[in-house]
Amino acid sequence: MQAVIQNVLGAPEVLETVEVERPVPRRGEVLVRVHASGVNPVDAAVRSGAFPLLGAPPFGVGWDISGVVEEAGAGSRFAVGDEVYGMPLFPRAATGYAEYVLAPSTQVASKPATLDHVQAAALPLAALTAWQGLVGAAGVGAGDRVLIHRAAGGVGHLAVQIAKARGAHVIALASAAKHDFVRGLGADEVIDHRVTDFTEILGDLDVVFDSTGQGARSLRVLRPGGTLVSIVEHRDHELAAHVESAGRRFAGVSVEPDHAALEAIAELVDADRIRPHVTETFALADVAKAHELIETGRVRGKIVLRVR
């Protein structure tokens, strides 16, 4: 089978499409024939060495997949032919940019019926990050006032929709060029973070979902007892102590596989409450171009690799 592997850390050009042996599922595992693989900023950070999650190469980055079960080990939750999506093995290597990916059956879920594989592959890591932060950690519900940083990005555009689906009043931070896009996602208010200091005009918020490392600033707009969810400063113990001492809650979130959450997300998708936005697709052989684009930090929604 073909898979994208790197033998050294570095620029996107270190990614190579090579022939490797197809894995065989063991008990409780499935072999997924991948149709599409999502590309996330963490993939580029691991590839370059900026985030040494997988240690030294060789390894293959990529975790988001959508495809069809090719083989199923004994005791698997799925049968051959089932359409599934997920983020298997994170934070261990899954080699998700590949024609076949091995996954524990408890780490994938049935693909949303209303999405094709490209759209479904855009969901897992970003949607799980948003879900685990907003629902799992903050318990966002009806009437909550929620601020979403970087609301047009991969995680942010799904966080807006998940918060709205939970009945929250959503305030989104995005550049002016992306305001119409974010309003179309359901945001109730949109602020241009490039020209307006959100800390000067907001306050008494129930939840801030921070994907930018602005935890200390975000604390200023939370009400007493409100929750700061951080997906980039989740291990910052000093920040956590500062937030708690101010009478607010700190929730550091590092995404993990969760088939129950994927099932809940799929239900919202099929109820037309959530839709991933895929800004561009690339062939597997053009994976370096996909990484070049994701590294600009200006992607609206998600980038996906078409595997077949």
C-alpha atoms as a PDB file:
ATOM      1  CA  MET A   1       0.000   0.000   0.000  1.00  0.00           C
ATOM      2  CA  GLN A   2       1.020   3.649  -0.347  1.00  0.00           C
ATOM      3  CA  ALA A   3       1.687   5.739   2.751  1.00  0.00           C
ATOM      4  CA  VAL A   4       3.327   9.073   3.503  1.00  0.00           C
ATOM      5  CA  ILE A   5       6.442   8.635   5.651  1.00  0.00           C
ATOM      6  CA  GLN A   6       9.268  10.932   6.696  1.00  0.00           C
ATOM      7  CA  ASN A   7      12.791   9.865   7.584  1.00  0.00           C
ATOM      8  CA  VAL A   8      13.958  13.228   8.922  1.00  0.00           C
ATOM      9  CA  LEU A   9      12.380  16.272  10.555  1.00  0.00           C
ATOM     10  CA  GLY A  10      12.050  19.363   8.424  1.00  0.00           C
ATOM     11  CA  ALA A  11      10.100  21.285   5.801  1.00  0.00           C
ATOM     12  CA  PRO A  12       7.129  19.806   3.906  1.00  0.00           C
ATOM     13  CA  GLU A  13       9.503  18.300   1.342  1.00  0.00           C
ATOM     14  CA  VAL A  14      10.568  15.621   3.852  1.00  0.00           C
ATOM     15  CA  LEU A  15       7.185  13.918   3.340  1.00  0.00           C
ATOM     16  CA  GLU A  16       7.561  10.962   0.971  1.00  0.00           C
ATOM     17  CA  THR A  17       4.897   8.739  -0.565  1.00  0.00           C
ATOM     18  CA  VAL A  18       6.287   5.214  -0.402  1.00  0.00           C
ATOM     19  CA  GLU A  19       5.199   1.576  -0.620  1.00  0.00           C
ATOM     20  CA  VAL A  20       4.868  -0.139   2.767  1.00  0.00           C
ATOM     21  CA  GLU A  21       3.402  -3.423   3.960  1.00  0.00           C
ATOM     22  CA  ARG A  22      -0.322  -3.411   4.639  1.00  0.00           C
ATOM     23  CA  PRO A  23      -1.065  -4.030   8.337  1.00  0.00           C
ATOM     24  CA  VAL A  24      -3.256  -6.865   9.596  1.00  0.00           C
ATOM     25  CA  PRO A  25      -5.908  -6.205  12.260  1.00  0.00           C
ATOM     26  CA  ARG A  26      -5.766  -8.043  15.552  1.00  0.00           C
ATOM     27  CA  ARG A  27      -8.635  -8.671  17.967  1.00  0.00           C
ATOM     28  CA  GLY A  28     -10.750  -5.539  18.446  1.00  0.00           C
ATOM     29  CA  GLU A  29      -9.117  -3.741  15.532  1.00  0.00           C
ATOM     30  CA  VAL A  30     -10.257  -2.762  12.049  1.00  0.00           C
ATOM     31  CA  LEU A  31      -8.278  -2.127   8.895  1.00  0.00           C
ATOM     32  CA  VAL A  32      -9.779   0.930   7.209  1.00  0.00           C
ATOM     33  CA  ARG A  33      -9.474   1.442   3.463  1.00  0.00           C
ATOM     34  CA  VAL A  34      -8.978   5.184   3.579  1.00  0.00           C
ATOM     35  CA  HIS A  35     -10.836   7.429   1.140  1.00  0.00           C
ATOM     36  CA  ALA A  36      -9.708  10.758   2.640  1.00  0.00           C
ATOM     37  CA  SER A  37      -7.368  12.050   5.350  1.00  0.00           C
ATOM     38  CA  GLY A  38      -7.673  15.375   7.143  1.00  0.00           C
ATOM     39  CA  VAL A  39      -4.684  17.692   7.544  1.00  0.00           C
ATOM     40  CA  ASN A  40      -4.268  19.584  10.822  1.00  0.00           C
ATOM     41  CA  PRO A  41      -1.756  22.145  12.145  1.00  0.00           C
ATOM     42  CA  VAL A  42      -0.467  19.563  14.642  1.00  0.00           C
ATOM     43  CA  ASP A  43       0.572  17.379  11.698  1.00  0.00           C
ATOM     44  CA  ALA A  44       2.882  20.103  10.413  1.00  0.00           C
ATOM     45  CA  ALA A  45       4.241  20.841  13.887  1.00  0.00           C
ATOM     46  CA  VAL A  46       5.129  17.173  14.414  1.00  0.00           C
ATOM     47  CA  ARG A  47       6.636  16.887  10.933  1.00  0.00           C
ATOM     48  CA  SER A  48       8.920  19.887  11.475  1.00  0.00           C
ATOM     49  CA  GLY A  49       9.977  18.921  14.991  1.00  0.00           C
ATOM     50  CA  ALA A  50       8.345  21.982  16.562  1.00  0.00           C
ATOM     51  CA  PHE A  51       6.130  19.569  18.517  1.00  0.00           C
ATOM     52  CA  PRO A  52       8.189  16.402  19.145  1.00  0.00           C
ATOM     53  CA  LEU A  53       5.173  14.218  19.802  1.00  0.00           C
ATOM     54  CA  LEU A  54       6.424  11.085  18.046  1.00  0.00           C
ATOM     55  CA  GLY A  55      10.129  11.301  18.845  1.00  0.00           C
ATOM     56  CA  ALA A  56      12.674  10.766  16.094  1.00  0.00           C
ATOM     57  CA  PRO A  57      11.685   9.648  12.573  1.00  0.00           C
ATOM     58  CA  PRO A  58      10.952   7.537  10.665  1.00  0.00           C
ATOM     59  CA  PHE A  59       7.216   7.923  11.191  1.00  0.00           C
ATOM     60  CA  GLY A  60       4.063   8.985   9.411  1.00  0.00           C
ATOM     61  CA  VAL A  61       1.950  11.926  10.582  1.00  0.00           C
ATOM     62  CA  GLY A  62      -1.787  12.320  10.104  1.00  0.00           C
ATOM     63  CA  TRP A  63      -4.681  11.084  12.233  1.00  0.00           C
ATOM     64  CA  ASP A  64      -8.000  12.109  10.680  1.00  0.00           C
ATOM     65  CA  ILE A  65      -9.437   9.409   8.431  1.00  0.00           C
ATOM     66  CA  SER A  66     -12.672   8.458   6.723  1.00  0.00           C
ATOM     67  CA  GLY A  67     -13.117   5.233   4.815  1.00  0.00           C
ATOM     68  CA  VAL A  68     -14.521   1.711   4.670  1.00  0.00           C
ATOM     69  CA  VAL A  69     -13.684  -1.266   6.868  1.00  0.00           C
ATOM     70  CA  GLU A  70     -11.599  -3.652   4.738  1.00  0.00           C
ATOM     71  CA  GLU A  71     -10.898  -6.247   7.433  1.00  0.00           C
ATOM     72  CA  ALA A  72     -12.253  -6.651  10.964  1.00  0.00           C
ATOM     73  CA  GLY A  73     -10.535  -8.497  13.772  1.00  0.00           C
ATOM     74  CA  ALA A  74     -12.481 -10.732  16.150  1.00  0.00           C
ATOM     75  CA  GLY A  75     -14.520  -8.728  18.652  1.00  0.00           C
ATOM     76  CA  SER A  76     -14.514  -5.580  16.513  1.00  0.00           C
ATOM     77  CA  ARG A  77     -17.404  -3.128  16.766  1.00  0.00           C
ATOM     78  CA  PHE A  78     -17.653  -3.016  12.959  1.00  0.00           C
ATOM     79  CA  ALA A  79     -18.010  -5.358  10.005  1.00  0.00           C
ATOM     80  CA  VAL A  80     -16.375  -5.393   6.597  1.00  0.00           C
ATOM     81  CA  GLY A  81     -17.988  -2.747   4.410  1.00  0.00           C
ATOM     82  CA  ASP A  82     -18.974  -0.365   7.214  1.00  0.00           C
ATOM     83  CA  GLU A  83     -18.189   3.311   6.591  1.00  0.00           C
ATOM     84  CA  VAL A  84     -16.270   4.799   9.520  1.00  0.00           C
ATOM     85  CA  TYR A  85     -14.395   7.933  10.505  1.00  0.00           C
ATOM     86  CA  GLY A  86     -12.130   8.816  13.399  1.00  0.00           C
ATOM     87  CA  MET A  87      -8.806   9.902  14.851  1.00  0.00           C
ATOM     88  CA  PRO A  88      -7.152   6.614  15.840  1.00  0.00           C
ATOM     89  CA  LEU A  89      -4.194   6.235  18.185  1.00  0.00           C
ATOM     90  CA  PHE A  90      -3.560   9.934  18.895  1.00  0.00           C
ATOM     91  CA  PRO A  91      -1.092  10.919  20.367  1.00  0.00           C
ATOM     92  CA  ARG A  92       0.733   7.836  19.036  1.00  0.00           C
ATOM     93  CA  ALA A  93       1.536   7.478  15.344  1.00  0.00           C
ATOM     94  CA  ALA A  94      -1.369   6.355  13.164  1.00  0.00           C
ATOM     95  CA  THR A  95       0.230   7.129   9.769  1.00  0.00           C
ATOM     96  CA  GLY A  96      -3.076   8.564   8.674  1.00  0.00           C
ATOM     97  CA  TYR A  97      -1.920   9.680   5.234  1.00  0.00           C
ATOM     98  CA  ALA A  98      -2.152   6.210   3.760  1.00  0.00           C
ATOM     99  CA  GLU A  99      -4.311   3.895   1.684  1.00  0.00           C
ATOM    100  CA  TYR A 100      -4.999   1.694   4.721  1.00  0.00           C
ATOM    101  CA  VAL A 101      -4.949   2.562   8.419  1.00  0.00           C
ATOM    102  CA  LEU A 102      -5.180   0.192  11.371  1.00  0.00           C
ATOM    103  CA  ALA A 103      -7.409   1.372  14.223  1.00  0.00           C
ATOM    104  CA  PRO A 104      -8.881   0.066  17.475  1.00  0.00           C
ATOM    105  CA  SER A 105     -12.581  -0.270  16.697  1.00  0.00           C
ATOM    106  CA  THR A 106     -13.351   1.706  19.868  1.00  0.00           C
ATOM    107  CA  GLN A 107     -11.584   4.730  18.378  1.00  0.00           C
ATOM    108  CA  VAL A 108     -13.679   5.094  15.228  1.00  0.00           C
ATOM    109  CA  ALA A 109     -17.403   5.633  14.687  1.00  0.00           C
ATOM    110  CA  SER A 110     -19.923   5.288  11.895  1.00  0.00           C
ATOM    111  CA  LYS A 111     -19.406   8.038   9.326  1.00  0.00           C
ATOM    112  CA  PRO A 112     -22.130  10.695   9.246  1.00  0.00           C
ATOM    113  CA  ALA A 113     -24.566   9.491   6.600  1.00  0.00           C
ATOM    114  CA  THR A 114     -25.032  12.947   5.091  1.00  0.00           C
ATOM    115  CA  LEU A 115     -21.329  13.563   4.427  1.00  0.00           C
ATOM    116  CA  ASP A 116     -18.993  12.170   1.815  1.00  0.00           C
ATOM    117  CA  HIS A 117     -15.608  10.866   2.909  1.00  0.00           C
ATOM    118  CA  VAL A 118     -13.778  14.129   2.192  1.00  0.00           C
ATOM    119  CA  GLN A 119     -16.129  16.082   4.426  1.00  0.00           C
ATOM    120  CA  ALA A 120     -16.079  13.404   7.122  1.00  0.00           C
ATOM    121  CA  ALA A 121     -12.267  13.335   7.175  1.00  0.00           C
ATOM    122  CA  ALA A 122     -12.322  17.046   8.018  1.00  0.00           C
ATOM    123  CA  LEU A 123     -14.095  16.407  11.298  1.00  0.00           C
ATOM    124  CA  PRO A 124     -12.416  14.106  13.841  1.00  0.00           C
ATOM    125  CA  LEU A 125      -9.491  15.949  15.446  1.00  0.00           C
ATOM    126  CA  ALA A 126     -10.976  19.431  15.152  1.00  0.00           C
ATOM    127  CA  ALA A 127     -14.517  18.463  16.141  1.00  0.00           C
ATOM    128  CA  LEU A 128     -13.328  16.296  19.032  1.00  0.00           C
ATOM    129  CA  THR A 129     -11.142  19.141  20.298  1.00  0.00           C
ATOM    130  CA  ALA A 130     -14.099  21.509  20.261  1.00  0.00           C
ATOM    131  CA  TRP A 131     -16.483  18.942  21.737  1.00  0.00           C
ATOM    132  CA  GLN A 132     -14.176  17.840  24.537  1.00  0.00           C
ATOM    133  CA  GLY A 133     -13.536  21.470  25.449  1.00  0.00           C
ATOM    134  CA  LEU A 134     -17.009  22.943  25.163  1.00  0.00           C
ATOM    135  CA  VAL A 135     -19.164  19.975  26.145  1.00  0.00           C
ATOM    136  CA  GLY A 136     -16.913  17.705  28.158  1.00  0.00           C
ATOM    137  CA  ALA A 137     -14.926  20.295  30.090  1.00  0.00           C
ATOM    138  CA  ALA A 138     -17.146  23.396  30.144  1.00  0.00           C
ATOM    139  CA  GLY A 139     -20.587  21.802  29.922  1.00  0.00           C
ATOM    140  CA  VAL A 140     -21.844  24.523  27.595  1.00  0.00           C
ATOM    141  CA  GLY A 141     -25.622  24.732  27.563  1.00  0.00           C
ATOM    142  CA  ALA A 142     -28.598  26.886  26.655  1.00  0.00           C
ATOM    143  CA  GLY A 143     -28.146  30.577  27.336  1.00  0.00           C
ATOM    144  CA  ASP A 144     -24.407  30.445  28.033  1.00  0.00           C
ATOM    145  CA  ARG A 145     -22.373  33.304  26.583  1.00  0.00           C
ATOM    146  CA  VAL A 146     -19.379  31.774  24.829  1.00  0.00           C
ATOM    147  CA  LEU A 147     -16.376  33.441  23.180  1.00  0.00           C
ATOM    148  CA  ILE A 148     -14.577  31.503  20.434  1.00  0.00           C
ATOM    149  CA  HIS A 149     -11.067  32.573  19.428  1.00  0.00           C
ATOM    150  CA  ARG A 150      -9.954  32.029  15.804  1.00  0.00           C
ATOM    151  CA  ALA A 151     -13.532  31.232  14.896  1.00  0.00           C
ATOM    152  CA  ALA A 152     -12.929  30.669  11.162  1.00  0.00           C
ATOM    153  CA  GLY A 153     -10.185  28.081  11.644  1.00  0.00           C
ATOM    154  CA  GLY A 154     -10.344  24.308  11.628  1.00  0.00           C
ATOM    155  CA  VAL A 155     -11.248  23.904  15.288  1.00  0.00           C
ATOM    156  CA  GLY A 156     -12.919  27.298  15.643  1.00  0.00           C
ATOM    157  CA  HIS A 157     -15.489  26.941  12.874  1.00  0.00           C
ATOM    158  CA  LEU A 158     -16.672  23.672  14.425  1.00  0.00           C
ATOM    159  CA  ALA A 159     -16.584  25.113  17.946  1.00  0.00           C
ATOM    160  CA  VAL A 160     -18.962  27.878  16.837  1.00  0.00           C
ATOM    161  CA  GLN A 161     -21.422  25.322  15.488  1.00  0.00           C
ATOM    162  CA  ILE A 162     -21.183  22.985  18.471  1.00  0.00           C
ATOM    163  CA  ALA A 163     -21.782  25.842  20.910  1.00  0.00           C
ATOM    164  CA  LYS A 164     -24.780  27.004  18.877  1.00  0.00           C
ATOM    165  CA  ALA A 165     -26.154  23.459  18.732  1.00  0.00           C
ATOM    166  CA  ARG A 166     -25.983  23.435  22.541  1.00  0.00           C
ATOM    167  CA  GLY A 167     -28.060  26.609  22.700  1.00  0.00           C
ATOM    168  CA  ALA A 168     -25.296  29.077  23.541  1.00  0.00           C
ATOM    169  CA  HIS A 169     -24.970  32.734  22.550  1.00  0.00           C
ATOM    170  CA  VAL A 170     -21.761  32.705  20.512  1.00  0.00           C
ATOM    171  CA  ILE A 171     -19.329  35.585  20.170  1.00  0.00           C
ATOM    172  CA  ALA A 172     -16.656  34.945  17.545  1.00  0.00           C
ATOM    173  CA  LEU A 173     -13.249  36.515  16.943  1.00  0.00           C
ATOM    174  CA  ALA A 174     -12.180  36.601  13.290  1.00  0.00           C
ATOM    175  CA  SER A 175     -10.637  38.954  10.767  1.00  0.00           C
ATOM    176  CA  ALA A 176     -13.060  41.183   8.835  1.00  0.00           C
ATOM    177  CA  ALA A 177     -12.730  39.167   5.622  1.00  0.00           C
ATOM    178  CA  LYS A 178     -14.084  36.107   7.412  1.00  0.00           C
ATOM    179  CA  HIS A 179     -17.033  37.733   9.190  1.00  0.00           C
ATOM    180  CA  ASP A 180     -19.669  36.623   6.686  1.00  0.00           C
ATOM    181  CA  PHE A 181     -18.328  33.076   6.841  1.00  0.00           C
ATOM    182  CA  VAL A 182     -18.466  33.001  10.646  1.00  0.00           C
ATOM    183  CA  ARG A 183     -21.948  34.538  10.762  1.00  0.00           C
ATOM    184  CA  GLY A 184     -23.028  31.825   8.345  1.00  0.00           C
ATOM    185  CA  LEU A 185     -21.902  29.271  10.920  1.00  0.00           C
ATOM    186  CA  GLY A 186     -24.368  30.760  13.388  1.00  0.00           C
ATOM    187  CA  ALA A 187     -22.265  33.204  15.411  1.00  0.00           C
ATOM    188  CA  ASP A 188     -24.443  35.805  17.147  1.00  0.00           C
ATOM    189  CA  GLU A 189     -21.704  38.437  17.325  1.00  0.00           C
ATOM    190  CA  VAL A 190     -18.450  38.735  15.384  1.00  0.00           C
ATOM    191  CA  ILE A 191     -15.505  40.906  16.413  1.00  0.00           C
ATOM    192  CA  ASP A 192     -12.526  41.835  14.239  1.00  0.00           C
ATOM    193  CA  HIS A 193      -9.648  40.941  16.559  1.00  0.00           C
ATOM    194  CA  ARG A 194      -7.200  42.897  14.396  1.00  0.00           C
ATOM    195  CA  VAL A 195      -8.801  46.273  15.114  1.00  0.00           C
ATOM    196  CA  THR A 196     -10.716  45.733  18.370  1.00  0.00           C
ATOM    197  CA  ASP A 197      -9.420  44.605  21.752  1.00  0.00           C
ATOM    198  CA  PHE A 198     -12.053  42.115  22.862  1.00  0.00           C
ATOM    199  CA  THR A 199     -11.115  42.641  26.516  1.00  0.00           C
ATOM    200  CA  GLU A 200     -12.307  46.247  26.299  1.00  0.00           C
ATOM    201  CA  ILE A 201     -15.808  45.491  25.014  1.00  0.00           C
ATOM    202  CA  LEU A 202     -16.693  42.091  26.478  1.00  0.00           C
ATOM    203  CA  GLY A 203     -17.346  40.847  29.987  1.00  0.00           C
ATOM    204  CA  ASP A 204     -19.418  38.513  32.152  1.00  0.00           C
ATOM    205  CA  LEU A 205     -18.922  35.569  29.785  1.00  0.00           C
ATOM    206  CA  ASP A 206     -19.599  32.007  30.859  1.00  0.00           C
ATOM    207  CA  VAL A 207     -16.973  30.311  28.680  1.00  0.00           C
ATOM    208  CA  VAL A 208     -13.961  31.309  26.617  1.00  0.00           C
ATOM    209  CA  PHE A 209     -12.622  28.742  24.132  1.00  0.00           C
ATOM    210  CA  ASP A 210      -9.014  29.754  23.507  1.00  0.00           C
ATOM    211  CA  SER A 211      -6.944  28.279  20.692  1.00  0.00           C
ATOM    212  CA  THR A 212      -4.453  31.142  20.501  1.00  0.00           C
ATOM    213  CA  GLY A 213      -2.565  31.106  23.803  1.00  0.00           C
ATOM    214  CA  GLN A 214      -4.284  34.209  25.143  1.00  0.00           C
ATOM    215  CA  GLY A 215      -5.452  32.637  28.372  1.00  0.00           C
ATOM    216  CA  ALA A 216      -4.375  35.467  30.651  1.00  0.00           C
ATOM    217  CA  ARG A 217      -6.157  38.076  28.526  1.00  0.00           C
ATOM    218  CA  SER A 218      -9.218  35.899  28.092  1.00  0.00           C
ATOM    219  CA  LEU A 219      -9.549  35.609  31.860  1.00  0.00           C
ATOM    220  CA  ARG A 220     -10.508  39.294  32.010  1.00  0.00           C
ATOM    221  CA  VAL A 221     -13.815  38.737  30.204  1.00  0.00           C
ATOM    222  CA  LEU A 222     -15.024  35.751  32.245  1.00  0.00           C
ATOM    223  CA  ARG A 223     -17.618  36.071  34.963  1.00  0.00           C
ATOM    224  CA  PRO A 224     -16.827  34.670  38.431  1.00  0.00           C
ATOM    225  CA  GLY A 225     -17.186  30.918  38.141  1.00  0.00           C
ATOM    226  CA  GLY A 226     -16.797  31.044  34.355  1.00  0.00           C
ATOM    227  CA  THR A 227     -14.597  28.566  32.498  1.00  0.00           C
ATOM    228  CA  LEU A 228     -11.470  29.185  30.446  1.00  0.00           C
ATOM    229  CA  VAL A 229     -10.913  26.321  28.011  1.00  0.00           C
ATOM    230  CA  SER A 230      -7.410  26.298  26.543  1.00  0.00           C
ATOM    231  CA  ILE A 231      -6.234  23.882  23.869  1.00  0.00           C
ATOM    232  CA  VAL A 232      -2.723  25.329  23.556  1.00  0.00           C
ATOM    233  CA  GLU A 233      -1.867  26.164  27.165  1.00  0.00           C
ATOM    234  CA  HIS A 234      -3.370  23.011  28.611  1.00  0.00           C
ATOM    235  CA  ARG A 235      -0.183  22.159  30.520  1.00  0.00           C
ATOM    236  CA  ASP A 236       0.426  25.669  31.837  1.00  0.00           C
ATOM    237  CA  HIS A 237       0.161  25.083  35.585  1.00  0.00           C
ATOM    238  CA  GLU A 238       0.950  28.722  36.356  1.00  0.00           C
ATOM    239  CA  LEU A 239      -1.933  29.901  34.191  1.00  0.00           C
ATOM    240  CA  ALA A 240      -4.238  27.312  35.725  1.00  0.00           C
ATOM    241  CA  ALA A 241      -3.359  28.504  39.233  1.00  0.00           C
ATOM    242  CA  HIS A 242      -3.887  32.132  38.199  1.00  0.00           C
ATOM    243  CA  VAL A 243      -7.314  31.360  36.763  1.00  0.00           C
ATOM    244  CA  GLU A 244      -8.401  29.397  39.827  1.00  0.00           C
ATOM    245  CA  SER A 245      -7.147  32.092  42.203  1.00  0.00           C
ATOM    246  CA  ALA A 246      -9.281  34.612  40.298  1.00  0.00           C
ATOM    247  CA  GLY A 247     -12.380  32.556  41.046  1.00  0.00           C
ATOM    248  CA  ARG A 248     -12.731  31.087  37.567  1.00  0.00           C
ATOM    249  CA  ARG A 249     -12.331  27.512  36.277  1.00  0.00           C
ATOM    250  CA  PHE A 250      -9.450  26.370  34.085  1.00  0.00           C
ATOM    251  CA  ALA A 251      -9.904  23.477  31.653  1.00  0.00           C
ATOM    252  CA  GLY A 252      -6.841  22.460  29.689  1.00  0.00           C
ATOM    253  CA  VAL A 253      -7.835  20.177  26.832  1.00  0.00           C
ATOM    254  CA  SER A 254      -5.581  17.829  24.877  1.00  0.00           C
ATOM    255  CA  VAL A 255      -7.687  15.933  22.365  1.00  0.00           C
ATOM    256  CA  GLU A 256      -8.027  12.159  22.616  1.00  0.00           C
ATOM    257  CA  PRO A 257      -9.896   9.468  20.673  1.00  0.00           C
ATOM    258  CA  ASP A 258     -13.537   9.182  21.768  1.00  0.00           C
ATOM    259  CA  HIS A 259     -16.021   7.134  19.742  1.00  0.00           C
ATOM    260  CA  ALA A 260     -18.975   8.256  21.881  1.00  0.00           C
ATOM    261  CA  ALA A 261     -18.240  11.898  21.102  1.00  0.00           C
ATOM    262  CA  LEU A 262     -17.770  11.060  17.413  1.00  0.00           C
ATOM    263  CA  GLU A 263     -21.203   9.419  17.445  1.00  0.00           C
ATOM    264  CA  ALA A 264     -22.755  12.504  19.069  1.00  0.00           C
ATOM    265  CA  ILE A 265     -21.044  14.749  16.522  1.00  0.00           C
ATOM    266  CA  ALA A 266     -22.325  12.555  13.675  1.00  0.00           C
ATOM    267  CA  GLU A 267     -25.871  12.883  15.019  1.00  0.00           C
ATOM    268  CA  LEU A 268     -25.591  16.669  14.946  1.00  0.00           C
ATOM    269  CA  VAL A 269     -24.159  16.547  11.434  1.00  0.00           C
ATOM    270  CA  ASP A 270     -26.992  14.371  10.173  1.00  0.00           C
ATOM    271  CA  ALA A 271     -29.481  16.698  11.877  1.00  0.00           C
ATOM    272  CA  ASP A 272     -27.922  19.551   9.856  1.00  0.00           C
ATOM    273  CA  ARG A 273     -26.605  21.290  12.979  1.00  0.00           C
ATOM    274  CA  ILE A 274     -22.905  20.988  12.072  1.00  0.00           C
ATOM    275  CA  ARG A 275     -21.165  21.150   8.698  1.00  0.00           C
ATOM    276  CA  PRO A 276     -17.390  21.020   8.195  1.00  0.00           C
ATOM    277  CA  HIS A 277     -15.991  23.502   5.707  1.00  0.00           C
ATOM    278  CA  VAL A 278     -13.316  22.055   3.417  1.00  0.00           C
ATOM    279  CA  THR A 279     -11.385  24.909   1.869  1.00  0.00           C
ATOM    280  CA  GLU A 280      -9.135  22.801  -0.383  1.00  0.00           C
ATOM    281  CA  THR A 281      -8.310  19.193  -1.223  1.00  0.00           C
ATOM    282  CA  PHE A 282      -5.059  17.665  -2.441  1.00  0.00           C
ATOM    283  CA  ALA A 283      -4.024  14.308  -3.859  1.00  0.00           C
ATOM    284  CA  LEU A 284      -1.933  12.132  -1.555  1.00  0.00           C
ATOM    285  CA  ALA A 285       1.097  12.756  -3.764  1.00  0.00           C
ATOM    286  CA  ASP A 286       0.681  16.518  -3.186  1.00  0.00           C
ATOM    287  CA  VAL A 287       0.836  16.257   0.606  1.00  0.00           C
ATOM    288  CA  ALA A 288       3.748  18.733   0.772  1.00  0.00           C
ATOM    289  CA  LYS A 289       1.554  21.405  -0.835  1.00  0.00           C
ATOM    290  CA  ALA A 290      -1.136  20.721   1.751  1.00  0.00           C
ATOM    291  CA  HIS A 291       1.400  21.230   4.545  1.00  0.00           C
ATOM    292  CA  GLU A 292       2.651  24.446   2.980  1.00  0.00           C
ATOM    293  CA  LEU A 293      -0.899  25.772   3.022  1.00  0.00           C
ATOM    294  CA  ILE A 294      -1.712  24.668   6.577  1.00  0.00           C
ATOM    295  CA  GLU A 295       1.454  26.383   7.814  1.00  0.00           C
ATOM    296  CA  THR A 296       0.271  29.788   6.598  1.00  0.00           C
ATOM    297  CA  GLY A 297      -2.144  29.876   9.553  1.00  0.00           C
ATOM    298  CA  ARG A 298      -4.778  31.501   7.351  1.00  0.00           C
ATOM    299  CA  VAL A 299      -6.823  28.480   6.328  1.00  0.00           C
ATOM    300  CA  ARG A 300     -10.583  28.879   6.529  1.00  0.00           C
ATOM    301  CA  GLY A 301     -11.966  25.571   7.792  1.00  0.00           C
ATOM    302  CA  LYS A 302     -10.062  22.422   6.837  1.00  0.00           C
ATOM    303  CA  ILE A 303      -7.679  20.899   4.282  1.00  0.00           C
ATOM    304  CA  VAL A 304      -8.197  17.275   3.202  1.00  0.00           C
ATOM    305  CA  LEU A 305      -6.156  14.741   1.235  1.00  0.00           C
ATOM    306  CA  ARG A 306      -8.057  12.618  -1.287  1.00  0.00           C
ATOM    307  CA  VAL A 307      -6.603   9.137  -0.952  1.00  0.00           C
ATOM    308  CA  ARG A 308      -8.914   7.317  -3.407  1.00  0.00           C
END
